[in-house]
Amino acid sequence: MEIEGFGKLEEKINNLVKAIKLLKDENKRLKLTIEKTKEESSHINSERSEIKKKISSLIDLIDSVE
């Protein structure tokens, strides 16, 4: 009976270890996704800033004509 209990405990521990490994892998993947998203966001913000500057310059050019 005791051996059977240890077998069940071993199975539960093995399942926990597998779950932990899966969670670690998922965590690593999510961290990479977050980092990539931050980089893309930074790039988009830079482009947006450049576009705003160009639009502002064009508006100033139009205003200078009047």
C-alpha atoms as a PDB file:
ATOM      1  CA  MET A   1       0.000   0.000   0.000  1.00  0.00           C
ATOM      2  CA  GLU A   2       2.781   2.428   0.858  1.00  0.00           C
ATOM      3  CA  ILE A   3       4.607   1.703  -2.401  1.00  0.00           C
ATOM      4  CA  GLU A   4       1.396   2.492  -4.265  1.00  0.00           C
ATOM      5  CA  GLY A   5       1.189   5.821  -2.451  1.00  0.00           C
ATOM      6  CA  PHE A   6       4.752   6.657  -3.461  1.00  0.00           C
ATOM      7  CA  GLY A   7       3.907   5.731  -7.052  1.00  0.00           C
ATOM      8  CA  LYS A   8       1.000   8.180  -7.045  1.00  0.00           C
ATOM      9  CA  LEU A   9       3.167  10.835  -5.457  1.00  0.00           C
ATOM     10  CA  GLU A  10       5.864  10.268  -8.065  1.00  0.00           C
ATOM     11  CA  GLU A  11       3.282  10.591 -10.838  1.00  0.00           C
ATOM     12  CA  LYS A  12       1.963  13.851  -9.387  1.00  0.00           C
ATOM     13  CA  ILE A  13       5.483  15.238  -9.046  1.00  0.00           C
ATOM     14  CA  ASN A  14       6.291  14.246 -12.640  1.00  0.00           C
ATOM     15  CA  ASN A  15       3.122  16.000 -13.796  1.00  0.00           C
ATOM     16  CA  LEU A  16       4.077  19.104 -11.820  1.00  0.00           C
ATOM     17  CA  VAL A  17       7.568  19.095 -13.335  1.00  0.00           C
ATOM     18  CA  LYS A  18       6.099  18.820 -16.839  1.00  0.00           C
ATOM     19  CA  ALA A  19       3.677  21.665 -16.109  1.00  0.00           C
ATOM     20  CA  ILE A  20       6.507  23.835 -14.760  1.00  0.00           C
ATOM     21  CA  LYS A  21       8.610  23.177 -17.875  1.00  0.00           C
ATOM     22  CA  LEU A  22       5.669  24.080 -20.106  1.00  0.00           C
ATOM     23  CA  LEU A  23       5.061  27.267 -18.130  1.00  0.00           C
ATOM     24  CA  LYS A  24       8.737  28.228 -18.322  1.00  0.00           C
ATOM     25  CA  ASP A  25       8.739  27.688 -22.083  1.00  0.00           C
ATOM     26  CA  GLU A  26       5.560  29.710 -22.461  1.00  0.00           C
ATOM     27  CA  ASN A  27       6.987  32.454 -20.237  1.00  0.00           C
ATOM     28  CA  LYS A  28      10.138  32.616 -22.368  1.00  0.00           C
ATOM     29  CA  ARG A  29       8.035  32.803 -25.548  1.00  0.00           C
ATOM     30  CA  LEU A  30       5.825  35.524 -24.081  1.00  0.00           C
ATOM     31  CA  LYS A  31       8.845  37.561 -22.983  1.00  0.00           C
ATOM     32  CA  LEU A  32      10.205  37.410 -26.527  1.00  0.00           C
ATOM     33  CA  THR A  33       6.824  38.452 -27.893  1.00  0.00           C
ATOM     34  CA  ILE A  34       6.670  41.385 -25.467  1.00  0.00           C
ATOM     35  CA  GLU A  35      10.190  42.490 -26.417  1.00  0.00           C
ATOM     36  CA  LYS A  36       9.367  42.287 -30.127  1.00  0.00           C
ATOM     37  CA  THR A  37       6.153  44.246 -29.565  1.00  0.00           C
ATOM     38  CA  LYS A  38       8.037  46.933 -27.635  1.00  0.00           C
ATOM     39  CA  GLU A  39      10.553  47.252 -30.474  1.00  0.00           C
ATOM     40  CA  GLU A  40       7.775  47.513 -33.054  1.00  0.00           C
ATOM     41  CA  SER A  41       5.974  50.082 -30.925  1.00  0.00           C
ATOM     42  CA  SER A  42       9.138  52.139 -30.590  1.00  0.00           C
ATOM     43  CA  HIS A  43       9.664  52.010 -34.343  1.00  0.00           C
ATOM     44  CA  ILE A  44       6.065  53.031 -34.997  1.00  0.00           C
ATOM     45  CA  ASN A  45       6.349  55.906 -32.513  1.00  0.00           C
ATOM     46  CA  SER A  46       9.506  57.125 -34.271  1.00  0.00           C
ATOM     47  CA  GLU A  47       7.754  57.016 -37.630  1.00  0.00           C
ATOM     48  CA  ARG A  48       4.752  58.822 -36.160  1.00  0.00           C
ATOM     49  CA  SER A  49       7.019  61.542 -34.797  1.00  0.00           C
ATOM     50  CA  GLU A  50       8.691  61.991 -38.178  1.00  0.00           C
ATOM     51  CA  ILE A  51       5.313  62.190 -39.902  1.00  0.00           C
ATOM     52  CA  LYS A  52       4.153  64.840 -37.429  1.00  0.00           C
ATOM     53  CA  LYS A  53       7.297  66.894 -38.109  1.00  0.00           C
ATOM     54  CA  LYS A  54       6.777  66.662 -41.869  1.00  0.00           C
ATOM     55  CA  ILE A  55       3.125  67.615 -41.592  1.00  0.00           C
ATOM     56  CA  SER A  56       4.019  70.531 -39.361  1.00  0.00           C
ATOM     57  CA  SER A  57       6.617  71.671 -41.895  1.00  0.00           C
ATOM     58  CA  LEU A  58       4.073  71.420 -44.695  1.00  0.00           C
ATOM     59  CA  ILE A  59       1.537  73.412 -42.696  1.00  0.00           C
ATOM     60  CA  ASP A  60       4.178  76.071 -42.010  1.00  0.00           C
ATOM     61  CA  LEU A  61       4.971  76.168 -45.717  1.00  0.00           C
ATOM     62  CA  ILE A  62       1.282  76.643 -46.578  1.00  0.00           C
ATOM     63  CA  ASP A  63       0.975  79.350 -43.919  1.00  0.00           C
ATOM     64  CA  SER A  64       3.978  81.176 -45.346  1.00  0.00           C
ATOM     65  CA  VAL A  65       2.252  81.372 -48.748  1.00  0.00           C
ATOM     66  CA  GLU A  66      -0.710  83.236 -47.320  1.00  0.00           C
END
